[in-house]
């Protein structure tokens, strides 16, 4: 009797392997052959998912986007106070644990490559739009206002739209610092800085 293969489960397993190889070996070291060896399958077995290094990186970045979107959507629909929802949604973008650290490593690597690889340029654009949308959701949540319905929809008030832009830059900078200097930017300190930034955004005093 032929073996039944769960392709979706297999895809997720390969995604994890790709992430780990890109994170540990960097872009140049992440070859199709190395991924095949790490996954314990033949190079030919990977052709269902990708067959070149370019396809490998796109596969990895798209998987990161799906994973982050899935978690943020769950936070978005959760019944909780607005500032807590904002904080938890934004935390999904930050390298606060092993899984998110690998995701950030992969995403940053693909962003760098996207400037010389046109096949990744669309991901760079949609990633920026998606992150700005999350920041708008966070600002609206903190102020107790209706949440934007779709990416690209600006907040009604110009001052709040500026807050979303500032928050976007803050999150990008915090992500880069936390990924580059993990010893200095521990999960605890990163969470504290995010908490303080959201309080500044809403004008809430921060305890000394």
Protein backbone atom coordinates (compact mmCIF):
# COMPACT_ATOMS: atom_id res chain seq x y z
CA UNK A 1 0.00 0.00 0.00
CA UNK A 2 1.53 3.35 -1.01
CA UNK A 3 2.59 5.67 1.79
CA UNK A 4 0.23 8.63 2.28
CA UNK A 5 2.15 11.89 2.53
CA UNK A 6 0.66 14.88 4.33
CA UNK A 7 2.04 17.58 2.05
CA UNK A 8 1.02 20.46 4.30
CA UNK A 9 2.77 18.91 7.28
CA UNK A 10 5.80 18.17 5.12
CA UNK A 11 5.83 21.78 3.92
CA UNK A 12 5.87 23.03 7.51
CA UNK A 13 8.72 20.66 8.38
CA UNK A 14 10.75 21.91 5.42
CA UNK A 15 9.97 25.53 6.35
CA UNK A 16 11.53 24.96 9.77
CA UNK A 17 14.62 23.42 8.23
CA UNK A 18 15.01 26.29 5.74
CA UNK A 19 14.69 28.85 8.55
CA UNK A 20 17.34 27.12 10.61
CA UNK A 21 19.77 26.80 7.70
CA UNK A 22 19.34 30.46 6.66
CA UNK A 23 19.69 31.58 10.28
CA UNK A 24 22.83 29.53 10.95
CA UNK A 25 24.55 29.64 7.53
CA UNK A 26 23.42 33.00 6.18
CA UNK A 27 22.05 33.58 2.71
CA UNK A 28 25.15 32.46 0.80
CA UNK A 29 25.45 29.28 2.83
CA UNK A 30 21.77 28.37 2.52
CA UNK A 31 21.81 26.18 -0.56
CA UNK A 32 19.21 23.76 -1.78
CA UNK A 33 21.64 20.90 -1.18
CA UNK A 34 22.26 21.92 2.45
CA UNK A 35 18.53 22.18 3.10
CA UNK A 36 18.00 18.75 1.56
CA UNK A 37 20.73 17.27 3.76
CA UNK A 38 19.33 18.94 6.90
CA UNK A 39 15.81 17.76 6.05
CA UNK A 40 17.00 14.23 5.33
CA UNK A 41 15.56 14.11 1.81
CA UNK A 42 16.94 14.22 -1.72
CA UNK A 43 17.42 17.41 -3.69
CA UNK A 44 14.84 16.05 -6.11
CA UNK A 45 12.38 15.73 -3.26
CA UNK A 46 12.54 19.46 -2.69
CA UNK A 47 11.53 20.37 -6.24
CA UNK A 48 7.88 20.33 -5.25
CA UNK A 49 8.63 23.36 -3.03
CA UNK A 50 11.59 25.13 -4.70
CA UNK A 51 14.46 24.22 -7.02
CA UNK A 52 16.86 27.17 -6.76
CA UNK A 53 18.40 29.24 -3.98
CA UNK A 54 16.26 32.18 -5.10
CA UNK A 55 13.15 30.04 -4.73
CA UNK A 56 14.40 28.80 -1.36
CA UNK A 57 14.66 32.33 0.03
CA UNK A 58 11.26 33.33 -1.31
CA UNK A 59 9.79 30.15 0.18
CA UNK A 60 11.36 30.99 3.56
CA UNK A 61 10.23 34.63 3.57
CA UNK A 62 6.67 33.80 2.53
CA UNK A 63 6.50 31.25 5.34
CA UNK A 64 7.67 33.88 7.84
CA UNK A 65 4.97 36.26 6.64
CA UNK A 66 2.27 33.58 6.99
CA UNK A 67 3.44 32.60 10.46
CA UNK A 68 3.57 36.17 11.79
CA UNK A 69 0.23 37.06 10.19
CA UNK A 70 -1.44 34.03 11.76
CA UNK A 71 -0.27 34.96 15.26
CA UNK A 72 -1.12 38.65 14.92
CA UNK A 73 -4.59 37.79 13.62
CA UNK A 74 -5.19 35.75 16.77
CA UNK A 75 -4.13 38.73 18.91
CA UNK A 76 -6.31 41.06 16.84
CA UNK A 77 -9.45 39.02 17.49
CA UNK A 78 -8.74 38.37 21.19
CA UNK A 79 -10.97 40.08 23.75
CA UNK A 80 -8.54 42.20 25.78
CA UNK A 81 -7.81 45.84 26.67
CA UNK A 82 -6.59 47.94 23.75
CA UNK A 83 -3.08 48.70 25.02
CA UNK A 84 -2.46 45.03 25.82
CA UNK A 85 -3.68 44.02 22.33
CA UNK A 86 -1.34 46.60 20.79
CA UNK A 87 1.63 45.37 22.80
CA UNK A 88 1.02 41.69 22.05
CA UNK A 89 0.54 42.31 18.32
CA UNK A 90 3.80 44.26 18.12
CA UNK A 91 5.67 41.65 20.15
CA UNK A 92 5.00 39.14 17.38
CA UNK A 93 7.35 41.17 15.17
CA UNK A 94 10.22 41.12 17.66
CA UNK A 95 12.86 38.40 18.30
CA UNK A 96 11.66 37.53 21.80
CA UNK A 97 12.13 33.75 21.67
CA UNK A 98 13.91 31.15 19.53
CA UNK A 99 11.14 30.90 16.93
CA UNK A 100 10.73 34.64 16.46
CA UNK A 101 14.50 35.15 16.46
CA UNK A 102 14.90 32.72 13.56
CA UNK A 103 12.00 34.40 11.73
CA UNK A 104 13.65 37.81 12.12
CA UNK A 105 17.01 36.43 10.94
CA UNK A 106 15.36 35.02 7.82
CA UNK A 107 13.33 38.15 7.13
CA UNK A 108 16.30 40.50 7.53
CA UNK A 109 18.40 38.30 5.26
CA UNK A 110 15.70 38.37 2.59
CA UNK A 111 15.26 42.14 2.91
CA UNK A 112 18.96 42.65 2.22
CA UNK A 113 18.87 40.32 -0.78
CA UNK A 114 15.69 41.96 -2.13
CA UNK A 115 17.69 45.02 -3.22
CA UNK A 116 19.55 42.90 -5.78
CA UNK A 117 16.95 40.17 -6.34
CA UNK A 118 13.80 41.44 -8.02
CA UNK A 119 11.89 38.27 -7.12
CA UNK A 120 12.02 39.35 -3.46
CA UNK A 121 11.14 43.01 -4.06
CA UNK A 122 7.38 42.37 -3.87
CA UNK A 123 7.83 40.72 -0.47
CA UNK A 124 9.79 43.74 0.74
CA UNK A 125 6.93 46.04 -0.30
CA UNK A 126 4.10 43.91 1.11
CA UNK A 127 6.10 43.42 4.32
CA UNK A 128 6.44 47.19 4.78
CA UNK A 129 2.74 47.78 4.11
CA UNK A 130 1.79 44.97 6.49
CA UNK A 131 3.99 46.27 9.30
CA UNK A 132 2.67 49.82 8.90
CA UNK A 133 -0.87 48.36 9.12
CA UNK A 134 0.02 46.59 12.37
CA UNK A 135 1.38 49.86 13.78
CA UNK A 136 -1.84 51.63 12.82
CA UNK A 137 -3.82 48.88 14.54
CA UNK A 138 -1.65 49.32 17.62
CA UNK A 139 -2.13 53.10 17.71
CA UNK A 140 -5.89 52.80 17.24
CA UNK A 141 -6.07 50.11 19.94
CA UNK A 142 -4.12 52.25 22.41
CA UNK A 143 -6.48 55.19 21.86
CA UNK A 144 -9.65 53.07 21.94
CA UNK A 145 -10.55 53.97 18.35
CA UNK A 146 -12.04 51.84 15.54
CA UNK A 147 -9.36 49.68 13.93
CA UNK A 148 -8.43 50.16 10.26
CA UNK A 149 -10.12 47.58 8.05
CA UNK A 150 -7.34 46.96 5.55
CA UNK A 151 -3.62 47.52 4.93
CA UNK A 152 -2.99 50.91 3.38
CA UNK A 153 -5.92 52.57 5.13
CA UNK A 154 -4.58 55.60 7.00
CA UNK A 155 -5.84 56.67 10.39
CA UNK A 156 -8.45 59.43 10.29
CA UNK A 157 -6.43 61.87 12.37
CA UNK A 158 -3.11 63.19 11.04
CA UNK A 159 -1.48 63.19 14.48
CA UNK A 160 -2.34 59.51 14.97
CA UNK A 161 -1.02 58.68 11.50
CA UNK A 162 2.26 60.33 12.51
CA UNK A 163 2.28 58.23 15.68
CA UNK A 164 1.89 55.08 13.56
CA UNK A 165 4.83 56.18 11.40
CA UNK A 166 7.00 56.84 14.43
CA UNK A 167 6.00 53.50 15.97
CA UNK A 168 6.88 51.73 12.72
CA UNK A 169 10.39 53.21 12.75
CA UNK A 170 10.76 52.36 16.45
CA UNK A 171 9.75 48.72 15.89
CA UNK A 172 12.12 48.33 12.94
CA UNK A 173 15.00 49.79 14.95
CA UNK A 174 14.24 47.71 18.02
CA UNK A 175 14.00 44.56 15.88
CA UNK A 176 17.38 45.22 14.26
CA UNK A 177 19.11 45.99 17.56
CA UNK A 178 17.59 42.99 19.34
CA UNK A 179 18.58 40.66 16.49
CA UNK A 180 22.11 42.07 16.21
CA UNK A 181 22.92 42.52 19.90
CA UNK A 182 20.90 39.86 21.76
CA UNK A 183 23.14 40.07 24.85
CA UNK A 184 22.38 43.76 25.27
CA UNK A 185 18.75 43.60 24.17
CA UNK A 186 17.28 40.76 26.22
CA UNK A 187 13.61 39.80 25.82
CA UNK A 188 12.88 41.46 29.15
CA UNK A 189 14.52 44.76 28.15
CA UNK A 190 12.89 44.69 24.71
CA UNK A 191 9.46 44.22 26.26
CA UNK A 192 10.15 47.05 28.68
CA UNK A 193 11.18 49.43 25.88
CA UNK A 194 8.07 48.56 23.89
CA UNK A 195 5.91 49.11 26.98
CA UNK A 196 7.51 52.51 27.56
CA UNK A 197 7.10 53.53 23.91
CA UNK A 198 3.39 52.71 23.96
CA UNK A 199 2.98 54.75 27.13
CA UNK A 200 4.74 57.70 25.51
CA UNK A 201 2.48 57.28 22.52
CA UNK A 202 -0.65 57.52 24.66
CA UNK A 203 0.72 60.12 27.05
CA UNK A 204 0.55 57.74 29.99
CA UNK A 205 3.20 58.46 32.68
CA UNK A 206 5.88 55.78 32.96
CA UNK A 207 6.99 54.86 36.50
CA UNK A 208 10.63 55.69 37.24
